[in-house]
Amino acid sequence: MDTTPDTTLQPTPAQSAPLAQTDALTPTKDPADAPEQTQAALTPQKDLDDAPTPKGTCKPDRFYALIENNTIVNIFSGENLKEYNPAQLDIRELPKGEEKFFAIGLSLGENAELLPLSLEQMKERQLDFLNDDFTMEVQRVQREYIPLEEVLTFELQRQEALSLKEGGPTPFLDQLAQTRGENKEVLARKILKKHTEYMQSLAFLVGKRHKLRNQIEESQSAQEIINVRFSEALKL
């Protein structure tokens, strides 16, 4: 028997080469299964740029409200904004025929729905409109009867024109008539006539505003309030 020891080297466990992991051993996932942020990273930038943007449209014959912080911040015609991105703008279509029942500054309801003005709010708004129109019409009448250069002296002219009828002193009219080259008596009559017409116009406007204000305050519905056509009624 050969008792010579076997000197053939045998690999020890520490010397064993580990198995290499290859791509062939790694399962490939469908890109569609990747998370959204990962999928975006896998999508070419050009495709992202060319992706369709959500689009909202406005009808040219309707009115719309722009909403910010649950409040109407603007009301506009659909002609002014044909398309918009609903992800960026909260735009609501106003009910047809009821556009005047809404106003800038009006808050949305508890469920973020559009709410029309209350009857009292509509009355307050119409009264403000009425007062604005009244002020504008008074200013127009004043410009017609009392030119800017005569505003400071018109009352003095009237007082001296009245004084002339009583034989009193008229120093301002004396100088004014002389400078204009007019007869003082004729000038005085013009001044009094103009003052009378001016006061009659003011009386018409004051009386008309009072009547229209009562109509608004006594209205029982929003439509009644809207039907008070003060802009036309205040015209002389």
Protein backbone atom coordinates (compact mmCIF):
# COMPACT_ATOMS: atom_id res chain seq x y z
CA MET A 1 0.00 0.00 0.00
CA ASP A 2 1.20 3.49 -1.01
CA THR A 3 1.27 5.60 2.10
CA THR A 4 2.55 8.73 0.34
CA PRO A 5 0.29 11.62 1.26
CA ASP A 6 -1.77 13.19 -1.56
CA THR A 7 -0.23 16.59 -2.15
CA THR A 8 -2.81 17.77 -4.74
CA LEU A 9 -4.08 21.18 -3.67
CA GLN A 10 -7.81 21.34 -2.99
CA PRO A 11 -9.71 24.63 -2.85
CA THR A 12 -10.71 25.63 0.61
CA PRO A 13 -14.11 27.15 1.32
CA ALA A 14 -12.46 30.56 1.70
CA GLN A 15 -10.91 30.19 -1.72
CA SER A 16 -14.12 29.31 -3.50
CA ALA A 17 -15.03 31.98 -6.08
CA PRO A 18 -18.43 33.62 -5.37
CA LEU A 19 -21.09 33.37 -8.02
CA ALA A 20 -21.27 36.57 -10.05
CA GLN A 21 -24.73 38.16 -10.35
CA THR A 22 -25.44 39.07 -13.91
CA ASP A 23 -28.18 41.13 -15.55
CA ALA A 24 -29.54 37.91 -16.88
CA LEU A 25 -30.34 36.89 -13.31
CA THR A 26 -32.11 40.19 -12.46
CA PRO A 27 -35.76 40.36 -13.49
CA THR A 28 -36.58 43.43 -15.67
CA LYS A 29 -39.58 45.52 -14.56
CA ASP A 30 -42.06 47.08 -16.96
CA PRO A 31 -41.37 50.87 -17.01
CA ALA A 32 -45.08 51.40 -16.62
CA ASP A 33 -44.81 49.82 -13.16
CA ALA A 34 -42.23 52.38 -12.02
CA PRO A 35 -43.28 55.11 -9.58
CA GLU A 36 -44.47 58.34 -11.18
CA GLN A 37 -41.30 60.28 -10.33
CA THR A 38 -39.17 57.42 -11.70
CA GLN A 39 -41.29 57.24 -14.84
CA ALA A 40 -40.82 60.98 -15.34
CA ALA A 41 -37.08 60.49 -15.11
CA LEU A 42 -37.31 57.82 -17.80
CA THR A 43 -39.38 60.08 -20.10
CA PRO A 44 -37.41 62.24 -22.53
CA GLN A 45 -37.73 65.99 -21.81
CA LYS A 46 -39.12 66.62 -25.28
CA ASP A 47 -42.01 64.26 -24.58
CA LEU A 48 -42.72 66.11 -21.33
CA ASP A 49 -42.67 69.45 -23.13
CA ASP A 50 -44.98 68.15 -25.83
CA ALA A 51 -47.46 66.59 -23.41
CA PRO A 52 -50.94 68.14 -23.72
CA THR A 53 -51.82 70.77 -21.11
CA PRO A 54 -55.23 70.52 -19.42
CA LYS A 55 -57.43 73.07 -21.18
CA GLY A 56 -60.56 74.88 -20.14
CA THR A 57 -62.64 76.98 -22.51
CA CYS A 58 -64.98 79.96 -22.09
CA LYS A 59 -68.02 80.62 -24.26
CA PRO A 60 -67.95 84.08 -25.85
CA ASP A 61 -71.59 84.79 -24.99
CA ARG A 62 -71.33 83.95 -21.28
CA PHE A 63 -69.86 85.58 -18.19
CA TYR A 64 -67.42 83.95 -15.78
CA ALA A 65 -66.07 84.47 -12.26
CA LEU A 66 -62.40 84.11 -11.36
CA ILE A 67 -62.04 82.60 -7.89
CA GLU A 68 -59.13 83.12 -5.50
CA ASN A 69 -59.19 82.15 -1.82
CA ASN A 70 -62.89 81.23 -2.09
CA THR A 71 -63.73 84.76 -3.23
CA ILE A 72 -64.79 86.22 -6.58
CA VAL A 73 -61.92 88.49 -7.60
CA ASN A 74 -63.04 89.23 -11.14
CA ILE A 75 -66.04 88.86 -13.44
CA PHE A 76 -65.43 88.87 -17.17
CA SER A 77 -66.90 88.02 -20.56
CA GLY A 78 -65.89 84.74 -22.16
CA GLU A 79 -64.73 86.76 -25.16
CA ASN A 80 -61.79 87.97 -23.10
CA LEU A 81 -60.47 84.51 -22.19
CA LYS A 82 -61.18 81.77 -24.69
CA GLU A 83 -58.86 79.16 -23.16
CA TYR A 84 -57.18 78.67 -19.79
CA ASN A 85 -55.38 76.07 -17.68
CA PRO A 86 -57.81 74.79 -15.00
CA ALA A 87 -54.83 73.63 -12.94
CA GLN A 88 -53.83 77.27 -12.54
CA LEU A 89 -57.13 79.18 -12.63
CA ASP A 90 -60.40 78.49 -10.83
CA ILE A 91 -63.01 79.84 -13.23
CA ARG A 92 -66.76 79.37 -12.81
CA GLU A 93 -69.48 80.05 -15.36
CA LEU A 94 -72.20 82.36 -14.06
CA PRO A 95 -75.82 81.26 -14.55
CA LYS A 96 -77.23 82.74 -17.74
CA GLY A 97 -79.55 85.65 -17.10
CA GLU A 98 -78.40 85.96 -13.48
CA GLU A 99 -75.00 87.56 -14.02
CA LYS A 100 -76.06 90.74 -12.21
CA PHE A 101 -76.78 88.71 -9.08
CA PHE A 102 -73.03 88.23 -8.52
CA ALA A 103 -70.29 90.72 -7.67
CA ILE A 104 -66.55 90.99 -7.10
CA GLY A 105 -65.72 90.36 -3.44
CA LEU A 106 -68.54 87.86 -2.94
CA SER A 107 -67.50 84.74 -1.00
CA LEU A 108 -68.31 81.18 -2.02
CA GLY A 109 -70.63 78.96 -0.02
CA GLU A 110 -69.67 76.29 2.51
CA ASN A 111 -69.22 73.76 -0.29
CA ALA A 112 -67.24 76.20 -2.45
CA GLU A 113 -70.30 76.86 -4.62
CA LEU A 114 -71.24 80.19 -6.19
CA LEU A 115 -73.79 82.08 -4.13
CA PRO A 116 -75.71 85.09 -5.48
CA LEU A 117 -75.91 88.36 -3.62
CA SER A 118 -78.51 88.55 -0.91
CA LEU A 119 -81.40 90.96 -1.40
CA GLU A 120 -79.85 93.44 1.02
CA GLN A 121 -76.47 93.21 -0.68
CA MET A 122 -78.08 93.88 -4.04
CA LYS A 123 -79.89 96.90 -2.65
CA GLU A 124 -76.67 98.31 -1.23
CA ARG A 125 -74.87 97.79 -4.52
CA GLN A 126 -77.63 99.41 -6.58
CA LEU A 127 -77.79 102.36 -4.20
CA ASP A 128 -74.04 102.84 -4.62
CA PHE A 129 -74.47 102.76 -8.40
CA LEU A 130 -77.33 105.23 -8.14
CA ASN A 131 -75.28 107.65 -6.04
CA ASP A 132 -72.34 107.39 -8.45
CA ASP A 133 -74.56 108.18 -11.43
CA PHE A 134 -76.21 111.02 -9.54
CA THR A 135 -72.82 112.56 -8.72
CA MET A 136 -71.67 112.29 -12.32
CA GLU A 137 -74.85 113.90 -13.61
CA VAL A 138 -74.63 116.75 -11.09
CA GLN A 139 -71.07 117.41 -12.20
CA ARG A 140 -72.16 117.44 -15.85
CA VAL A 141 -74.93 119.94 -15.13
CA GLN A 142 -72.55 122.11 -13.14
CA ARG A 143 -70.07 122.20 -16.03
CA GLU A 144 -72.89 123.14 -18.38
CA TYR A 145 -74.21 126.07 -16.35
CA ILE A 146 -71.18 127.16 -14.37
CA PRO A 147 -67.88 127.07 -16.27
CA LEU A 148 -64.79 126.30 -14.23
CA GLU A 149 -63.57 129.91 -14.37
CA GLU A 150 -66.86 131.10 -12.83
CA VAL A 151 -67.24 128.52 -10.05
CA LEU A 152 -65.67 130.75 -7.38
CA THR A 153 -67.63 133.86 -8.33
CA PHE A 154 -70.99 132.57 -9.55
CA GLU A 155 -72.74 133.00 -6.20
CA LEU A 156 -71.34 136.54 -5.90
CA GLN A 157 -72.58 137.30 -9.41
CA ARG A 158 -76.06 136.11 -8.46
CA GLN A 159 -76.11 138.16 -5.26
CA GLU A 160 -75.07 141.35 -7.05
CA ALA A 161 -77.56 140.66 -9.85
CA LEU A 162 -80.29 140.53 -7.20
CA SER A 163 -78.84 143.64 -5.52
CA LEU A 164 -79.00 145.51 -8.82
CA LYS A 165 -82.77 144.97 -8.93
CA GLU A 166 -82.99 146.68 -5.53
CA GLY A 167 -80.63 149.49 -6.52
CA GLY A 168 -77.79 148.20 -4.34
CA PRO A 169 -74.04 148.31 -5.00
CA THR A 170 -72.61 145.92 -7.60
CA PRO A 171 -68.82 146.39 -7.68
CA PHE A 172 -68.08 142.93 -9.09
CA LEU A 173 -70.70 143.22 -11.83
CA ASP A 174 -69.48 146.73 -12.66
CA GLN A 175 -65.98 145.44 -13.35
CA LEU A 176 -67.20 142.25 -15.07
CA ALA A 177 -69.56 144.12 -17.41
CA GLN A 178 -66.92 146.72 -18.23
CA THR A 179 -64.28 144.07 -18.99
CA ARG A 180 -66.67 142.08 -21.17
CA GLY A 181 -68.02 145.16 -22.85
CA GLU A 182 -71.60 144.25 -21.92
CA ASN A 183 -74.51 146.17 -20.47
CA LYS A 184 -74.62 145.54 -16.72
CA GLU A 185 -78.41 145.09 -16.62
CA VAL A 186 -78.34 142.60 -19.50
CA LEU A 187 -75.51 140.70 -17.82
CA ALA A 188 -77.44 140.57 -14.54
CA ARG A 189 -80.49 139.10 -16.27
CA LYS A 190 -78.31 136.42 -17.91
CA ILE A 191 -76.82 135.51 -14.55
CA LEU A 192 -80.21 135.17 -12.86
CA LYS A 193 -81.63 133.14 -15.77
CA LYS A 194 -78.66 130.77 -15.72
CA HIS A 195 -78.95 130.34 -11.95
CA THR A 196 -82.66 129.55 -12.21
CA GLU A 197 -82.08 126.91 -14.89
CA TYR A 198 -79.21 125.43 -12.92
CA MET A 199 -81.27 125.10 -9.75
CA GLN A 200 -84.17 123.57 -11.70
CA SER A 201 -81.85 120.93 -13.10
CA LEU A 202 -80.50 120.16 -9.64
CA ALA A 203 -84.03 119.94 -8.25
CA PHE A 204 -84.92 117.41 -10.96
CA LEU A 205 -81.86 115.28 -10.15
CA VAL A 206 -82.36 115.41 -6.38
CA GLY A 207 -86.04 114.52 -6.69
CA LYS A 208 -85.38 111.73 -9.18
CA ARG A 209 -82.68 110.19 -7.02
CA HIS A 210 -85.01 110.22 -4.01
CA LYS A 211 -87.72 108.44 -6.00
CA LEU A 212 -85.33 105.84 -7.40
CA ARG A 213 -83.79 105.24 -3.99
CA ASN A 214 -87.22 104.49 -2.57
CA GLN A 215 -87.93 102.06 -5.41
CA ILE A 216 -84.72 100.17 -4.69
CA GLU A 217 -85.28 100.05 -0.93
CA GLU A 218 -88.88 98.84 -1.35
CA SER A 219 -88.02 96.11 -3.89
CA GLN A 220 -89.03 92.60 -2.87
CA SER A 221 -86.88 90.66 -5.35
CA ALA A 222 -83.53 90.87 -7.08
CA GLN A 223 -85.24 91.33 -10.44
CA GLU A 224 -87.19 94.33 -9.14
CA ILE A 225 -83.93 95.93 -8.06
CA ILE A 226 -82.32 95.34 -11.43
CA ASN A 227 -85.35 96.81 -13.18
CA VAL A 228 -84.74 100.22 -11.57
CA ARG A 229 -83.10 101.93 -14.56
CA PHE A 230 -81.57 104.89 -12.79
CA SER A 231 -78.94 105.65 -15.42
CA GLU A 232 -81.59 106.54 -17.98
CA ALA A 233 -83.96 108.11 -15.47
CA LEU A 234 -81.35 110.62 -14.29
CA LYS A 235 -80.83 112.06 -17.76
CA LEU A 236 -82.31 115.51 -18.24
